[in-house]
Amino acid sequence: MRYKITSEYVLLKNQGVVKMWFINGMAFTFDDVDNPSMDLIDSCEMEYTMDDLYHISQYLILEQCHPILFEMSELCEGEVPY
């Protein structure tokens, strides 16, 4: 099975705008965005909380599909961060 790695800018509650990384549509990590423009902030359609990321990460770990914790580079389309 091939997994698709994507990223987009989203709002993270109490954090601001971040670049969120997804595996098959499930968020698994993020990078802070310093001084985002108003256009970037306005274009963010999704909002996450740290609890959301915690629960999604727990699921990915149970399934051994968390790209940062498990070697998955041969199974993934797209660049895995880190």
PDB file of N, CA and C in Angstrom:
ATOM      1  N   MET A   1       0.846  -1.190   0.000  1.00  0.00           N
ATOM      2  CA  MET A   1       0.000   0.000   0.000  1.00  0.00           C
ATOM      3  C   MET A   1       0.881   1.240   0.000  1.00  0.00           C
ATOM      4  N   ARG A   2       0.535   2.225  -0.810  1.00  0.00           N
ATOM      5  CA  ARG A   2       1.245   3.494  -0.869  1.00  0.00           C
ATOM      6  C   ARG A   2       0.518   4.517  -0.022  1.00  0.00           C
ATOM      7  N   TYR A   3       1.278   5.291   0.743  1.00  0.00           N
ATOM      8  CA  TYR A   3       0.725   6.369   1.564  1.00  0.00           C
ATOM      9  C   TYR A   3       1.102   7.696   0.938  1.00  0.00           C
ATOM     10  N   LYS A   4       0.203   8.648   0.990  1.00  0.00           N
ATOM     11  CA  LYS A   4       0.439   9.955   0.383  1.00  0.00           C
ATOM     12  C   LYS A   4       0.727  10.972   1.490  1.00  0.00           C
ATOM     13  N   ILE A   5       1.887  11.628   1.404  1.00  0.00           N
ATOM     14  CA  ILE A   5       2.283  12.672   2.339  1.00  0.00           C
ATOM     15  C   ILE A   5       1.984  14.020   1.694  1.00  0.00           C
ATOM     16  N   THR A   6       1.219  14.858   2.396  1.00  0.00           N
ATOM     17  CA  THR A   6       0.898  16.195   1.908  1.00  0.00           C
ATOM     18  C   THR A   6       1.094  17.200   3.037  1.00  0.00           C
ATOM     19  N   SER A   7       1.039  18.460   2.695  1.00  0.00           N
ATOM     20  CA  SER A   7       1.108  19.509   3.717  1.00  0.00           C
ATOM     21  C   SER A   7       0.234  20.672   3.287  1.00  0.00           C
ATOM     22  N   GLU A   8      -0.232  21.421   4.279  1.00  0.00           N
ATOM     23  CA  GLU A   8      -0.982  22.647   4.014  1.00  0.00           C
ATOM     24  C   GLU A   8      -0.920  23.521   5.256  1.00  0.00           C
ATOM     25  N   TYR A   9      -1.261  24.783   5.071  1.00  0.00           N
ATOM     26  CA  TYR A   9      -1.274  25.725   6.180  1.00  0.00           C
ATOM     27  C   TYR A   9      -2.631  25.671   6.864  1.00  0.00           C
ATOM     28  N   VAL A  10      -2.605  25.511   8.184  1.00  0.00           N
ATOM     29  CA  VAL A  10      -3.838  25.422   8.972  1.00  0.00           C
ATOM     30  C   VAL A  10      -3.666  26.247  10.246  1.00  0.00           C
ATOM     31  N   LEU A  11      -4.775  26.453  10.949  1.00  0.00           N
ATOM     32  CA  LEU A  11      -4.728  27.113  12.252  1.00  0.00           C
ATOM     33  C   LEU A  11      -4.614  26.054  13.340  1.00  0.00           C
ATOM     34  N   LEU A  12      -3.689  26.265  14.271  1.00  0.00           N
ATOM     35  CA  LEU A  12      -3.535  25.398  15.431  1.00  0.00           C
ATOM     36  C   LEU A  12      -3.876  26.242  16.651  1.00  0.00           C
ATOM     37  N   LYS A  13      -4.908  25.839  17.352  1.00  0.00           N
ATOM     38  CA  LYS A  13      -5.415  26.627  18.478  1.00  0.00           C
ATOM     39  C   LYS A  13      -4.295  26.931  19.479  1.00  0.00           C
ATOM     40  N   ASN A  14      -4.238  28.172  19.915  1.00  0.00           N
ATOM     41  CA  ASN A  14      -3.225  28.685  20.858  1.00  0.00           C
ATOM     42  C   ASN A  14      -1.806  28.678  20.277  1.00  0.00           C
ATOM     43  N   GLN A  15      -1.666  28.428  18.992  1.00  0.00           N
ATOM     44  CA  GLN A  15      -0.354  28.394  18.349  1.00  0.00           C
ATOM     45  C   GLN A  15      -0.300  29.362  17.172  1.00  0.00           C
ATOM     46  N   GLY A  16      -1.384  29.459  16.426  1.00  0.00           N
ATOM     47  CA  GLY A  16      -1.420  30.309  15.247  1.00  0.00           C
ATOM     48  C   GLY A  16      -1.378  29.484  13.979  1.00  0.00           C
ATOM     49  N   VAL A  17      -0.871  30.081  12.916  1.00  0.00           N
ATOM     50  CA  VAL A  17      -0.763  29.392  11.630  1.00  0.00           C
ATOM     51  C   VAL A  17       0.461  28.481  11.650  1.00  0.00           C
ATOM     52  N   VAL A  18       0.256  27.245  11.205  1.00  0.00           N
ATOM     53  CA  VAL A  18       1.346  26.272  11.121  1.00  0.00           C
ATOM     54  C   VAL A  18       1.270  25.571   9.771  1.00  0.00           C
ATOM     55  N   LYS A  19       2.389  24.996   9.364  1.00  0.00           N
ATOM     56  CA  LYS A  19       2.389  24.119   8.191  1.00  0.00           C
ATOM     57  C   LYS A  19       2.206  22.706   8.724  1.00  0.00           C
ATOM     58  N   MET A  20       1.049  22.130   8.445  1.00  0.00           N
ATOM     59  CA  MET A  20       0.690  20.816   8.966  1.00  0.00           C
ATOM     60  C   MET A  20       0.998  19.755   7.919  1.00  0.00           C
ATOM     61  N   TRP A  21       1.553  18.637   8.368  1.00  0.00           N
ATOM     62  CA  TRP A  21       1.868  17.511   7.498  1.00  0.00           C
ATOM     63  C   TRP A  21       0.850  16.408   7.737  1.00  0.00           C
ATOM     64  N   PHE A  22       0.431  15.762   6.639  1.00  0.00           N
ATOM     65  CA  PHE A  22      -0.607  14.734   6.685  1.00  0.00           C
ATOM     66  C   PHE A  22      -0.129  13.458   6.006  1.00  0.00           C
ATOM     67  N   ILE A  23      -0.572  12.335   6.525  1.00  0.00           N
ATOM     68  CA  ILE A  23      -0.397  11.058   5.833  1.00  0.00           C
ATOM     69  C   ILE A  23      -1.798  10.537   5.537  1.00  0.00           C
ATOM     70  N   ASN A  24      -2.104  10.391   4.266  1.00  0.00           N
ATOM     71  CA  ASN A  24      -3.453  10.006   3.815  1.00  0.00           C
ATOM     72  C   ASN A  24      -4.528  10.837   4.508  1.00  0.00           C
ATOM     73  N   GLY A  25      -4.277  12.136   4.640  1.00  0.00           N
ATOM     74  CA  GLY A  25      -5.265  13.050   5.194  1.00  0.00           C
ATOM     75  C   GLY A  25      -5.280  13.159   6.709  1.00  0.00           C
ATOM     76  N   MET A  26      -4.408  12.421   7.393  1.00  0.00           N
ATOM     77  CA  MET A  26      -4.365  12.465   8.862  1.00  0.00           C
ATOM     78  C   MET A  26      -3.135  13.260   9.308  1.00  0.00           C
ATOM     79  N   ALA A  27      -3.374  14.309  10.094  1.00  0.00           N
ATOM     80  CA  ALA A  27      -2.278  15.171  10.555  1.00  0.00           C
ATOM     81  C   ALA A  27      -1.336  14.396  11.468  1.00  0.00           C
ATOM     82  N   PHE A  28      -0.001  14.609  11.273  1.00  0.00           N
ATOM     83  CA  PHE A  28       0.923  13.916  12.160  1.00  0.00           C
ATOM     84  C   PHE A  28       2.029  14.796  12.723  1.00  0.00           C
ATOM     85  N   THR A  29       2.284  15.960  12.152  1.00  0.00           N
ATOM     86  CA  THR A  29       3.266  16.892  12.719  1.00  0.00           C
ATOM     87  C   THR A  29       3.050  18.264  12.096  1.00  0.00           C
ATOM     88  N   PHE A  30       3.753  19.254  12.631  1.00  0.00           N
ATOM     89  CA  PHE A  30       3.623  20.601  12.087  1.00  0.00           C
ATOM     90  C   PHE A  30       4.909  21.381  12.306  1.00  0.00           C
ATOM     91  N   ASP A  31       5.054  22.436  11.507  1.00  0.00           N
ATOM     92  CA  ASP A  31       6.142  23.408  11.641  1.00  0.00           C
ATOM     93  C   ASP A  31       5.520  24.770  11.889  1.00  0.00           C
ATOM     94  N   ASP A  32       6.100  25.525  12.825  1.00  0.00           N
ATOM     95  CA  ASP A  32       5.620  26.882  13.084  1.00  0.00           C
ATOM     96  C   ASP A  32       5.867  27.776  11.877  1.00  0.00           C
ATOM     97  N   VAL A  33       4.991  28.745  11.690  1.00  0.00           N
ATOM     98  CA  VAL A  33       5.149  29.751  10.643  1.00  0.00           C
ATOM     99  C   VAL A  33       5.345  31.091  11.346  1.00  0.00           C
ATOM    100  N   ASP A  34       6.506  31.686  11.151  1.00  0.00           N
ATOM    101  CA  ASP A  34       6.793  32.978  11.758  1.00  0.00           C
ATOM    102  C   ASP A  34       6.195  34.103  10.922  1.00  0.00           C
ATOM    103  N   ASN A  35       5.507  35.000  11.562  1.00  0.00           N
ATOM    104  CA  ASN A  35       4.925  36.184  10.929  1.00  0.00           C
ATOM    105  C   ASN A  35       4.121  35.879   9.667  1.00  0.00           C
ATOM    106  N   PRO A  36       3.049  35.092   9.789  1.00  0.00           N
ATOM    107  CA  PRO A  36       2.243  34.790   8.599  1.00  0.00           C
ATOM    108  C   PRO A  36       1.518  36.043   8.101  1.00  0.00           C
ATOM    109  N   SER A  37       1.354  36.127   6.809  1.00  0.00           N
ATOM    110  CA  SER A  37       0.646  37.259   6.218  1.00  0.00           C
ATOM    111  C   SER A  37      -0.851  37.123   6.501  1.00  0.00           C
ATOM    112  N   MET A  38      -1.575  38.219   6.394  1.00  0.00           N
ATOM    113  CA  MET A  38      -3.025  38.198   6.588  1.00  0.00           C
ATOM    114  C   MET A  38      -3.701  37.309   5.546  1.00  0.00           C
ATOM    115  N   ASP A  39      -3.177  37.301   4.316  1.00  0.00           N
ATOM    116  CA  ASP A  39      -3.735  36.444   3.274  1.00  0.00           C
ATOM    117  C   ASP A  39      -3.599  34.968   3.641  1.00  0.00           C
ATOM    118  N   LEU A  40      -2.445  34.604   4.214  1.00  0.00           N
ATOM    119  CA  LEU A  40      -2.229  33.222   4.622  1.00  0.00           C
ATOM    120  C   LEU A  40      -3.182  32.849   5.759  1.00  0.00           C
ATOM    121  N   ILE A  41      -3.336  33.740   6.718  1.00  0.00           N
ATOM    122  CA  ILE A  41      -4.250  33.485   7.839  1.00  0.00           C
ATOM    123  C   ILE A  41      -5.678  33.316   7.333  1.00  0.00           C
ATOM    124  N   ASP A  42      -6.103  34.190   6.423  1.00  0.00           N
ATOM    125  CA  ASP A  42      -7.456  34.126   5.872  1.00  0.00           C
ATOM    126  C   ASP A  42      -7.691  32.870   5.033  1.00  0.00           C
ATOM    127  N   SER A  43      -6.641  32.345   4.434  1.00  0.00           N
ATOM    128  CA  SER A  43      -6.802  31.185   3.562  1.00  0.00           C
ATOM    129  C   SER A  43      -6.869  29.865   4.330  1.00  0.00           C
ATOM    130  N   CYS A  44      -6.576  29.871   5.615  1.00  0.00           N
ATOM    131  CA  CYS A  44      -6.625  28.643   6.417  1.00  0.00           C
ATOM    132  C   CYS A  44      -8.067  28.209   6.610  1.00  0.00           C
ATOM    133  N   GLU A  45      -8.388  27.039   6.112  1.00  0.00           N
ATOM    134  CA  GLU A  45      -9.756  26.536   6.188  1.00  0.00           C
ATOM    135  C   GLU A  45      -9.965  25.589   7.360  1.00  0.00           C
ATOM    136  N   MET A  46      -8.909  24.949   7.833  1.00  0.00           N
ATOM    137  CA  MET A  46      -9.046  23.963   8.895  1.00  0.00           C
ATOM    138  C   MET A  46      -8.402  24.468  10.177  1.00  0.00           C
ATOM    139  N   GLU A  47      -8.930  24.016  11.305  1.00  0.00           N
ATOM    140  CA  GLU A  47      -8.358  24.360  12.599  1.00  0.00           C
ATOM    141  C   GLU A  47      -8.212  23.081  13.424  1.00  0.00           C
ATOM    142  N   TYR A  48      -7.069  22.925  14.054  1.00  0.00           N
ATOM    143  CA  TYR A  48      -6.779  21.768  14.893  1.00  0.00           C
ATOM    144  C   TYR A  48      -6.441  22.234  16.304  1.00  0.00           C
ATOM    145  N   THR A  49      -6.515  21.301  17.240  1.00  0.00           N
ATOM    146  CA  THR A  49      -6.038  21.536  18.602  1.00  0.00           C
ATOM    147  C   THR A  49      -4.915  20.543  18.870  1.00  0.00           C
ATOM    148  N   MET A  50      -4.169  20.784  19.936  1.00  0.00           N
ATOM    149  CA  MET A  50      -3.116  19.834  20.303  1.00  0.00           C
ATOM    150  C   MET A  50      -3.732  18.483  20.686  1.00  0.00           C
ATOM    151  N   ASP A  51      -4.933  18.501  21.262  1.00  0.00           N
ATOM    152  CA  ASP A  51      -5.620  17.243  21.579  1.00  0.00           C
ATOM    153  C   ASP A  51      -5.919  16.453  20.307  1.00  0.00           C
ATOM    154  N   ASP A  52      -6.332  17.147  19.241  1.00  0.00           N
ATOM    155  CA  ASP A  52      -6.566  16.471  17.958  1.00  0.00           C
ATOM    156  C   ASP A  52      -5.302  15.754  17.503  1.00  0.00           C
ATOM    157  N   LEU A  53      -4.176  16.460  17.536  1.00  0.00           N
ATOM    158  CA  LEU A  53      -2.912  15.863  17.093  1.00  0.00           C
ATOM    159  C   LEU A  53      -2.510  14.688  17.977  1.00  0.00           C
ATOM    160  N   TYR A  54      -2.745  14.809  19.273  1.00  0.00           N
ATOM    161  CA  TYR A  54      -2.424  13.725  20.202  1.00  0.00           C
ATOM    162  C   TYR A  54      -3.212  12.465  19.842  1.00  0.00           C
ATOM    163  N   HIS A  55      -4.513  12.608  19.634  1.00  0.00           N
ATOM    164  CA  HIS A  55      -5.346  11.448  19.334  1.00  0.00           C
ATOM    165  C   HIS A  55      -5.011  10.836  17.972  1.00  0.00           C
ATOM    166  N   ILE A  56      -4.776  11.674  16.989  1.00  0.00           N
ATOM    167  CA  ILE A  56      -4.404  11.162  15.666  1.00  0.00           C
ATOM    168  C   ILE A  56      -3.059  10.447  15.742  1.00  0.00           C
ATOM    169  N   SER A  57      -2.092  11.030  16.445  1.00  0.00           N
ATOM    170  CA  SER A  57      -0.775  10.409  16.581  1.00  0.00           C
ATOM    171  C   SER A  57      -0.860   9.071  17.303  1.00  0.00           C
ATOM    172  N   GLN A  58      -1.690   8.995  18.342  1.00  0.00           N
ATOM    173  CA  GLN A  58      -1.863   7.721  19.050  1.00  0.00           C
ATOM    174  C   GLN A  58      -2.380   6.640  18.104  1.00  0.00           C
ATOM    175  N   TYR A  59      -3.337   6.994  17.268  1.00  0.00           N
ATOM    176  CA  TYR A  59      -3.863   6.029  16.302  1.00  0.00           C
ATOM    177  C   TYR A  59      -2.776   5.592  15.318  1.00  0.00           C
ATOM    178  N   LEU A  60      -2.034   6.560  14.776  1.00  0.00           N
ATOM    179  CA  LEU A  60      -0.974   6.221  13.815  1.00  0.00           C
ATOM    180  C   LEU A  60       0.103   5.352  14.450  1.00  0.00           C
ATOM    181  N   ILE A  61       0.418   5.599  15.708  1.00  0.00           N
ATOM    182  CA  ILE A  61       1.412   4.774  16.415  1.00  0.00           C
ATOM    183  C   ILE A  61       0.885   3.354  16.596  1.00  0.00           C
ATOM    184  N   LEU A  62      -0.376   3.216  17.003  1.00  0.00           N
ATOM    185  CA  LEU A  62      -0.961   1.879  17.168  1.00  0.00           C
ATOM    186  C   LEU A  62      -0.938   1.092  15.863  1.00  0.00           C
ATOM    187  N   GLU A  63      -1.163   1.777  14.750  1.00  0.00           N
ATOM    188  CA  GLU A  63      -1.159   1.132  13.441  1.00  0.00           C
ATOM    189  C   GLU A  63       0.244   1.043  12.833  1.00  0.00           C
ATOM    190  N   GLN A  64       1.241   1.537  13.567  1.00  0.00           N
ATOM    191  CA  GLN A  64       2.636   1.584  13.107  1.00  0.00           C
ATOM    192  C   GLN A  64       2.756   2.295  11.759  1.00  0.00           C
ATOM    193  N   CYS A  65       2.040   3.414  11.662  1.00  0.00           N
ATOM    194  CA  CYS A  65       2.021   4.202  10.427  1.00  0.00           C
ATOM    195  C   CYS A  65       2.399   5.655  10.674  1.00  0.00           C
ATOM    196  N   HIS A  66       3.081   5.941  11.760  1.00  0.00           N
ATOM    197  CA  HIS A  66       3.511   7.324  12.033  1.00  0.00           C
ATOM    198  C   HIS A  66       4.858   7.521  11.345  1.00  0.00           C
ATOM    199  N   PRO A  67       4.909   8.347  10.294  1.00  0.00           N
ATOM    200  CA  PRO A  67       6.110   8.457   9.464  1.00  0.00           C
ATOM    201  C   PRO A  67       7.360   8.961  10.208  1.00  0.00           C
ATOM    202  N   ILE A  68       7.189   9.629  11.327  1.00  0.00           N
ATOM    203  CA  ILE A  68       8.359  10.107  12.062  1.00  0.00           C
ATOM    204  C   ILE A  68       8.911   9.015  12.970  1.00  0.00           C
ATOM    205  N   LEU A  69       8.057   8.134  13.446  1.00  0.00           N
ATOM    206  CA  LEU A  69       8.477   7.094  14.384  1.00  0.00           C
ATOM    207  C   LEU A  69       8.821   5.769  13.720  1.00  0.00           C
ATOM    208  N   PHE A  70       8.269   5.510  12.557  1.00  0.00           N
ATOM    209  CA  PHE A  70       8.481   4.244  11.869  1.00  0.00           C
ATOM    210  C   PHE A  70       9.057   4.510  10.477  1.00  0.00           C
ATOM    211  N   GLU A  71       9.946   3.651  10.032  1.00  0.00           N
ATOM    212  CA  GLU A  71      10.562   3.784   8.709  1.00  0.00           C
ATOM    213  C   GLU A  71       9.513   3.466   7.653  1.00  0.00           C
ATOM    214  N   MET A  72       9.111   4.501   6.931  1.00  0.00           N
ATOM    215  CA  MET A  72       8.061   4.339   5.929  1.00  0.00           C
ATOM    216  C   MET A  72       8.415   5.000   4.601  1.00  0.00           C
ATOM    217  N   SER A  73       9.632   5.459   4.447  1.00  0.00           N
ATOM    218  CA  SER A  73       9.985   6.236   3.259  1.00  0.00           C
ATOM    219  C   SER A  73       9.731   5.480   1.956  1.00  0.00           C
ATOM    220  N   GLU A  74       9.894   4.174   1.965  1.00  0.00           N
ATOM    221  CA  GLU A  74       9.660   3.395   0.744  1.00  0.00           C
ATOM    222  C   GLU A  74       8.169   3.223   0.451  1.00  0.00           C
ATOM    223  N   LEU A  75       7.325   3.460   1.451  1.00  0.00           N
ATOM    224  CA  LEU A  75       5.892   3.284   1.289  1.00  0.00           C
ATOM    225  C   LEU A  75       5.158   4.585   1.024  1.00  0.00           C
ATOM    226  N   CYS A  76       5.874   5.711   1.071  1.00  0.00           N
ATOM    227  CA  CYS A  76       5.228   7.017   0.996  1.00  0.00           C
ATOM    228  C   CYS A  76       5.524   7.738  -0.310  1.00  0.00           C
ATOM    229  N   GLU A  77       4.484   8.357  -0.848  1.00  0.00           N
ATOM    230  CA  GLU A  77       4.622   9.292  -1.967  1.00  0.00           C
ATOM    231  C   GLU A  77       4.678  10.677  -1.367  1.00  0.00           C
ATOM    232  N   GLY A  78       5.668  11.439  -1.715  1.00  0.00           N
ATOM    233  CA  GLY A  78       5.841  12.772  -1.139  1.00  0.00           C
ATOM    234  C   GLY A  78       6.960  12.739  -0.120  1.00  0.00           C
ATOM    235  N   GLU A  79       7.411  13.917   0.238  1.00  0.00           N
ATOM    236  CA  GLU A  79       8.563  14.038   1.137  1.00  0.00           C
ATOM    237  C   GLU A  79       8.111  13.985   2.598  1.00  0.00           C
ATOM    238  N   VAL A  80       8.723  13.083   3.363  1.00  0.00           N
ATOM    239  CA  VAL A  80       8.449  12.976   4.791  1.00  0.00           C
ATOM    240  C   VAL A  80       9.316  14.008   5.518  1.00  0.00           C
ATOM    241  N   PRO A  81       8.725  14.885   6.335  1.00  0.00           N
ATOM    242  CA  PRO A  81       9.554  15.884   7.048  1.00  0.00           C
ATOM    243  C   PRO A  81      10.438  15.187   8.071  1.00  0.00           C
ATOM    244  N   TYR A  82      11.599  15.769   8.307  1.00  0.00           N
ATOM    245  CA  TYR A  82      12.599  15.272   9.251  1.00  0.00           C
ATOM    246  C   TYR A  82      13.271  14.092   8.667  1.00  0.00           C
TER     247      TYR A  82
END
